[in-house]
Amino acid sequence: MIAEPSEQQRRLARLVRDACVQAALEAYEQAGMSGLCHEGAWECAVGAMRSLDLDAVLAPSLGSRDS
């Protein structure tokens, strides 16, 4: 049986998901404006998600926990 995630885990998951989506959208849009085709822009979007600095995404969340 899998335990139900806590509210903190849910917030953390949403934070990471939203950061990934934002990075992908920005990279896709920038790639398109640079003239890349759909496939090239998609590869840039995936690359942006893969290279996302998770420490920077999580820092505000982890910092608020210490207070």
PDB file of N, CA and C in Angstrom:
ATOM      1  N   MET A   1       0.840  -1.181   0.000  1.00  0.00           N
ATOM      2  CA  MET A   1       0.000   0.000   0.000  1.00  0.00           C
ATOM      3  C   MET A   1       0.883   1.243   0.000  1.00  0.00           C
ATOM      4  N   ILE A   2       0.578   2.174  -0.877  1.00  0.00           N
ATOM      5  CA  ILE A   2       1.345   3.409  -0.992  1.00  0.00           C
ATOM      6  C   ILE A   2       0.691   4.480  -0.126  1.00  0.00           C
ATOM      7  N   ALA A   3       1.526   5.146   0.681  1.00  0.00           N
ATOM      8  CA  ALA A   3       1.017   6.195   1.571  1.00  0.00           C
ATOM      9  C   ALA A   3       0.621   7.426   0.766  1.00  0.00           C
ATOM     10  N   GLU A   4      -0.394   8.103   1.235  1.00  0.00           N
ATOM     11  CA  GLU A   4      -0.858   9.347   0.618  1.00  0.00           C
ATOM     12  C   GLU A   4       0.202  10.428   0.855  1.00  0.00           C
ATOM     13  N   PRO A   5       0.555  11.208  -0.188  1.00  0.00           N
ATOM     14  CA  PRO A   5       1.557  12.260   0.004  1.00  0.00           C
ATOM     15  C   PRO A   5       1.052  13.355   0.939  1.00  0.00           C
ATOM     16  N   SER A   6       1.971  13.929   1.688  1.00  0.00           N
ATOM     17  CA  SER A   6       1.609  15.023   2.593  1.00  0.00           C
ATOM     18  C   SER A   6       1.359  16.292   1.782  1.00  0.00           C
ATOM     19  N   GLU A   7       0.760  17.279   2.419  1.00  0.00           N
ATOM     20  CA  GLU A   7       0.509  18.552   1.739  1.00  0.00           C
ATOM     21  C   GLU A   7       1.829  19.208   1.347  1.00  0.00           C
ATOM     22  N   GLN A   8       2.850  19.086   2.173  1.00  0.00           N
ATOM     23  CA  GLN A   8       4.161  19.646   1.848  1.00  0.00           C
ATOM     24  C   GLN A   8       4.745  18.970   0.607  1.00  0.00           C
ATOM     25  N   GLN A   9       4.597  17.670   0.512  1.00  0.00           N
ATOM     26  CA  GLN A   9       5.084  16.951  -0.673  1.00  0.00           C
ATOM     27  C   GLN A   9       4.322  17.384  -1.918  1.00  0.00           C
ATOM     28  N   ARG A  10       3.028  17.576  -1.782  1.00  0.00           N
ATOM     29  CA  ARG A  10       2.224  18.035  -2.913  1.00  0.00           C
ATOM     30  C   ARG A  10       2.656  19.425  -3.373  1.00  0.00           C
ATOM     31  N   ARG A  11       2.889  20.337  -2.421  1.00  0.00           N
ATOM     32  CA  ARG A  11       3.342  21.686  -2.764  1.00  0.00           C
ATOM     33  C   ARG A  11       4.686  21.646  -3.472  1.00  0.00           C
ATOM     34  N   LEU A  12       5.585  20.803  -2.974  1.00  0.00           N
ATOM     35  CA  LEU A  12       6.904  20.668  -3.573  1.00  0.00           C
ATOM     36  C   LEU A  12       6.797  20.122  -4.996  1.00  0.00           C
ATOM     37  N   ALA A  13       5.969  19.134  -5.182  1.00  0.00           N
ATOM     38  CA  ALA A  13       5.766  18.557  -6.515  1.00  0.00           C
ATOM     39  C   ALA A  13       5.195  19.599  -7.475  1.00  0.00           C
ATOM     40  N   ARG A  14       4.219  20.391  -7.013  1.00  0.00           N
ATOM     41  CA  ARG A  14       3.639  21.446  -7.858  1.00  0.00           C
ATOM     42  C   ARG A  14       4.684  22.506  -8.204  1.00  0.00           C
ATOM     43  N   LEU A  15       5.519  22.855  -7.227  1.00  0.00           N
ATOM     44  CA  LEU A  15       6.570  23.837  -7.450  1.00  0.00           C
ATOM     45  C   LEU A  15       7.530  23.370  -8.537  1.00  0.00           C
ATOM     46  N   VAL A  16       7.965  22.133  -8.460  1.00  0.00           N
ATOM     47  CA  VAL A  16       8.891  21.588  -9.453  1.00  0.00           C
ATOM     48  C   VAL A  16       8.209  21.464 -10.810  1.00  0.00           C
ATOM     49  N   ARG A  17       6.975  20.974 -10.825  1.00  0.00           N
ATOM     50  CA  ARG A  17       6.236  20.855 -12.085  1.00  0.00           C
ATOM     51  C   ARG A  17       6.083  22.209 -12.759  1.00  0.00           C
ATOM     52  N   ASP A  18       5.679  23.206 -11.990  1.00  0.00           N
ATOM     53  CA  ASP A  18       5.472  24.541 -12.558  1.00  0.00           C
ATOM     54  C   ASP A  18       6.775  25.133 -13.089  1.00  0.00           C
ATOM     55  N   ALA A  19       7.877  24.900 -12.389  1.00  0.00           N
ATOM     56  CA  ALA A  19       9.172  25.400 -12.848  1.00  0.00           C
ATOM     57  C   ALA A  19       9.583  24.709 -14.148  1.00  0.00           C
ATOM     58  N   CYS A  20       9.334  23.421 -14.257  1.00  0.00           N
ATOM     59  CA  CYS A  20       9.650  22.683 -15.490  1.00  0.00           C
ATOM     60  C   CYS A  20       8.814  23.186 -16.656  1.00  0.00           C
ATOM     61  N   VAL A  21       7.545  23.372 -16.440  1.00  0.00           N
ATOM     62  CA  VAL A  21       6.658  23.863 -17.506  1.00  0.00           C
ATOM     63  C   VAL A  21       7.093  25.253 -17.945  1.00  0.00           C
ATOM     64  N   GLN A  22       7.389  26.130 -16.989  1.00  0.00           N
ATOM     65  CA  GLN A  22       7.810  27.489 -17.322  1.00  0.00           C
ATOM     66  C   GLN A  22       9.107  27.483 -18.115  1.00  0.00           C
ATOM     67  N   ALA A  23      10.071  26.681 -17.691  1.00  0.00           N
ATOM     68  CA  ALA A  23      11.352  26.588 -18.409  1.00  0.00           C
ATOM     69  C   ALA A  23      11.135  26.079 -19.828  1.00  0.00           C
ATOM     70  N   ALA A  24      10.296  25.075 -19.978  1.00  0.00           N
ATOM     71  CA  ALA A  24      10.029  24.504 -21.303  1.00  0.00           C
ATOM     72  C   ALA A  24       9.336  25.514 -22.208  1.00  0.00           C
ATOM     73  N   LEU A  25       8.337  26.201 -21.693  1.00  0.00           N
ATOM     74  CA  LEU A  25       7.621  27.188 -22.505  1.00  0.00           C
ATOM     75  C   LEU A  25       8.534  28.317 -22.965  1.00  0.00           C
ATOM     76  N   GLU A  26       9.362  28.812 -22.048  1.00  0.00           N
ATOM     77  CA  GLU A  26      10.274  29.892 -22.403  1.00  0.00           C
ATOM     78  C   GLU A  26      11.293  29.431 -23.445  1.00  0.00           C
ATOM     79  N   ALA A  27      11.850  28.244 -23.265  1.00  0.00           N
ATOM     80  CA  ALA A  27      12.835  27.725 -24.215  1.00  0.00           C
ATOM     81  C   ALA A  27      12.199  27.472 -25.575  1.00  0.00           C
ATOM     82  N   TYR A  28      11.002  26.916 -25.593  1.00  0.00           N
ATOM     83  CA  TYR A  28      10.305  26.643 -26.855  1.00  0.00           C
ATOM     84  C   TYR A  28      10.024  27.936 -27.606  1.00  0.00           C
ATOM     85  N   GLU A  29       9.542  28.934 -26.884  1.00  0.00           N
ATOM     86  CA  GLU A  29       9.232  30.215 -27.513  1.00  0.00           C
ATOM     87  C   GLU A  29      10.506  30.867 -28.056  1.00  0.00           C
ATOM     88  N   GLN A  30      11.566  30.862 -27.268  1.00  0.00           N
ATOM     89  CA  GLN A  30      12.824  31.465 -27.706  1.00  0.00           C
ATOM     90  C   GLN A  30      13.378  30.736 -28.928  1.00  0.00           C
ATOM     91  N   ALA A  31      13.301  29.416 -28.923  1.00  0.00           N
ATOM     92  CA  ALA A  31      13.797  28.627 -30.052  1.00  0.00           C
ATOM     93  C   ALA A  31      13.002  28.934 -31.315  1.00  0.00           C
ATOM     94  N   GLY A  32      11.696  29.069 -31.159  1.00  0.00           N
ATOM     95  CA  GLY A  32      10.856  29.404 -32.306  1.00  0.00           C
ATOM     96  C   GLY A  32      11.185  30.776 -32.868  1.00  0.00           C
ATOM     97  N   MET A  33      11.419  31.743 -31.983  1.00  0.00           N
ATOM     98  CA  MET A  33      11.775  33.086 -32.441  1.00  0.00           C
ATOM     99  C   MET A  33      13.155  33.097 -33.103  1.00  0.00           C
ATOM    100  N   SER A  34      13.991  32.128 -32.739  1.00  0.00           N
ATOM    101  CA  SER A  34      15.324  32.026 -33.346  1.00  0.00           C
ATOM    102  C   SER A  34      15.296  31.285 -34.680  1.00  0.00           C
ATOM    103  N   GLY A  35      14.114  30.792 -35.062  1.00  0.00           N
ATOM    104  CA  GLY A  35      13.969  30.163 -36.358  1.00  0.00           C
ATOM    105  C   GLY A  35      14.028  28.648 -36.359  1.00  0.00           C
ATOM    106  N   LEU A  36      14.087  28.024 -35.197  1.00  0.00           N
ATOM    107  CA  LEU A  36      14.121  26.565 -35.167  1.00  0.00           C
ATOM    108  C   LEU A  36      12.755  25.999 -35.554  1.00  0.00           C
ATOM    109  N   CYS A  37      12.772  24.824 -36.159  1.00  0.00           N
ATOM    110  CA  CYS A  37      11.535  24.125 -36.506  1.00  0.00           C
ATOM    111  C   CYS A  37      10.909  23.582 -35.216  1.00  0.00           C
ATOM    112  N   HIS A  38       9.728  23.013 -35.351  1.00  0.00           N
ATOM    113  CA  HIS A  38       9.019  22.473 -34.189  1.00  0.00           C
ATOM    114  C   HIS A  38       9.879  21.449 -33.438  1.00  0.00           C
ATOM    115  N   GLU A  39      10.499  20.532 -34.174  1.00  0.00           N
ATOM    116  CA  GLU A  39      11.297  19.484 -33.526  1.00  0.00           C
ATOM    117  C   GLU A  39      12.487  20.073 -32.787  1.00  0.00           C
ATOM    118  N   GLY A  40      13.141  21.050 -33.404  1.00  0.00           N
ATOM    119  CA  GLY A  40      14.274  21.696 -32.757  1.00  0.00           C
ATOM    120  C   GLY A  40      13.857  22.476 -31.522  1.00  0.00           C
ATOM    121  N   ALA A  41      12.724  23.159 -31.618  1.00  0.00           N
ATOM    122  CA  ALA A  41      12.219  23.913 -30.474  1.00  0.00           C
ATOM    123  C   ALA A  41      11.827  22.970 -29.341  1.00  0.00           C
ATOM    124  N   TRP A  42      11.253  21.823 -29.694  1.00  0.00           N
ATOM    125  CA  TRP A  42      10.886  20.835 -28.677  1.00  0.00           C
ATOM    126  C   TRP A  42      12.131  20.305 -27.975  1.00  0.00           C
ATOM    127  N   GLU A  43      13.193  20.043 -28.742  1.00  0.00           N
ATOM    128  CA  GLU A  43      14.440  19.578 -28.138  1.00  0.00           C
ATOM    129  C   GLU A  43      15.002  20.628 -27.182  1.00  0.00           C
ATOM    130  N   CYS A  44      14.890  21.887 -27.529  1.00  0.00           N
ATOM    131  CA  CYS A  44      15.335  22.960 -26.638  1.00  0.00           C
ATOM    132  C   CYS A  44      14.494  22.984 -25.362  1.00  0.00           C
ATOM    133  N   ALA A  45      13.198  22.770 -25.502  1.00  0.00           N
ATOM    134  CA  ALA A  45      12.310  22.751 -24.339  1.00  0.00           C
ATOM    135  C   ALA A  45      12.658  21.605 -23.397  1.00  0.00           C
ATOM    136  N   VAL A  46      12.892  20.436 -23.959  1.00  0.00           N
ATOM    137  CA  VAL A  46      13.268  19.286 -23.140  1.00  0.00           C
ATOM    138  C   VAL A  46      14.621  19.542 -22.475  1.00  0.00           C
ATOM    139  N   GLY A  47      15.551  20.113 -23.217  1.00  0.00           N
ATOM    140  CA  GLY A  47      16.859  20.435 -22.655  1.00  0.00           C
ATOM    141  C   GLY A  47      16.748  21.420 -21.504  1.00  0.00           C
ATOM    142  N   ALA A  48      15.846  22.381 -21.623  1.00  0.00           N
ATOM    143  CA  ALA A  48      15.651  23.355 -20.546  1.00  0.00           C
ATOM    144  C   ALA A  48      15.136  22.674 -19.281  1.00  0.00           C
ATOM    145  N   MET A  49      14.237  21.721 -19.442  1.00  0.00           N
ATOM    146  CA  MET A  49      13.740  20.995 -18.266  1.00  0.00           C
ATOM    147  C   MET A  49      14.842  20.150 -17.651  1.00  0.00           C
ATOM    148  N   ARG A  50      15.642  19.515 -18.494  1.00  0.00           N
ATOM    149  CA  ARG A  50      16.719  18.664 -17.989  1.00  0.00           C
ATOM    150  C   ARG A  50      17.792  19.469 -17.264  1.00  0.00           C
ATOM    151  N   SER A  51      18.025  20.685 -17.708  1.00  0.00           N
ATOM    152  CA  SER A  51      19.093  21.483 -17.105  1.00  0.00           C
ATOM    153  C   SER A  51      18.588  22.455 -16.044  1.00  0.00           C
ATOM    154  N   LEU A  52      17.321  22.371 -15.704  1.00  0.00           N
ATOM    155  CA  LEU A  52      16.739  23.253 -14.703  1.00  0.00           C
ATOM    156  C   LEU A  52      17.492  23.133 -13.380  1.00  0.00           C
ATOM    157  N   ASP A  53      17.865  24.250 -12.808  1.00  0.00           N
ATOM    158  CA  ASP A  53      18.583  24.278 -11.531  1.00  0.00           C
ATOM    159  C   ASP A  53      17.586  24.022 -10.398  1.00  0.00           C
ATOM    160  N   LEU A  54      17.493  22.774  -9.983  1.00  0.00           N
ATOM    161  CA  LEU A  54      16.518  22.413  -8.954  1.00  0.00           C
ATOM    162  C   LEU A  54      16.836  23.050  -7.610  1.00  0.00           C
ATOM    163  N   ASP A  55      18.115  23.250  -7.320  1.00  0.00           N
ATOM    164  CA  ASP A  55      18.465  23.920  -6.068  1.00  0.00           C
ATOM    165  C   ASP A  55      17.867  25.326  -6.026  1.00  0.00           C
ATOM    166  N   ALA A  56      17.929  26.035  -7.147  1.00  0.00           N
ATOM    167  CA  ALA A  56      17.364  27.379  -7.211  1.00  0.00           C
ATOM    168  C   ALA A  56      15.837  27.346  -7.089  1.00  0.00           C
ATOM    169  N   VAL A  57      15.221  26.320  -7.657  1.00  0.00           N
ATOM    170  CA  VAL A  57      13.765  26.187  -7.569  1.00  0.00           C
ATOM    171  C   VAL A  57      13.346  25.889  -6.133  1.00  0.00           C
ATOM    172  N   LEU A  58      14.101  25.029  -5.467  1.00  0.00           N
ATOM    173  CA  LEU A  58      13.734  24.577  -4.130  1.00  0.00           C
ATOM    174  C   LEU A  58      14.175  25.520  -3.020  1.00  0.00           C
ATOM    175  N   ALA A  59      15.149  26.381  -3.270  1.00  0.00           N
ATOM    176  CA  ALA A  59      15.701  27.244  -2.226  1.00  0.00           C
ATOM    177  C   ALA A  59      14.642  28.046  -1.474  1.00  0.00           C
ATOM    178  N   PRO A  60      13.721  28.722  -2.166  1.00  0.00           N
ATOM    179  CA  PRO A  60      12.705  29.476  -1.403  1.00  0.00           C
ATOM    180  C   PRO A  60      11.838  28.573  -0.532  1.00  0.00           C
ATOM    181  N   SER A  61      11.519  27.404  -1.018  1.00  0.00           N
ATOM    182  CA  SER A  61      10.681  26.474  -0.262  1.00  0.00           C
ATOM    183  C   SER A  61      11.421  25.948   0.960  1.00  0.00           C
ATOM    184  N   LEU A  62      12.676  25.581   0.778  1.00  0.00           N
ATOM    185  CA  LEU A  62      13.468  25.042   1.877  1.00  0.00           C
ATOM    186  C   LEU A  62      13.818  26.136   2.875  1.00  0.00           C
ATOM    187  N   GLY A  63      14.044  27.349   2.389  1.00  0.00           N
ATOM    188  CA  GLY A  63      14.369  28.450   3.286  1.00  0.00           C
ATOM    189  C   GLY A  63      13.218  28.792   4.195  1.00  0.00           C
ATOM    190  N   SER A  64      11.990  28.730   3.690  1.00  0.00           N
ATOM    191  CA  SER A  64      10.820  29.058   4.514  1.00  0.00           C
ATOM    192  C   SER A  64      10.578  28.005   5.573  1.00  0.00           C
ATOM    193  N   ARG A  65      11.053  26.791   5.338  1.00  0.00           N
ATOM    194  CA  ARG A  65      10.873  25.725   6.304  1.00  0.00           C
ATOM    195  C   ARG A  65      11.755  25.919   7.528  1.00  0.00           C
ATOM    196  N   ASP A  66      12.944  26.549   7.334  1.00  0.00           N
ATOM    197  CA  ASP A  66      13.881  26.747   8.427  1.00  0.00           C
ATOM    198  C   ASP A  66      13.452  27.853   9.361  1.00  0.00           C
ATOM    199  N   SER A  67      12.598  28.757   8.930  1.00  0.00           N
ATOM    200  CA  SER A  67      12.184  29.898   9.747  1.00  0.00           C
ATOM    201  C   SER A  67      11.265  29.509  10.853  1.00  0.00           C
TER     202      SER A  67
END
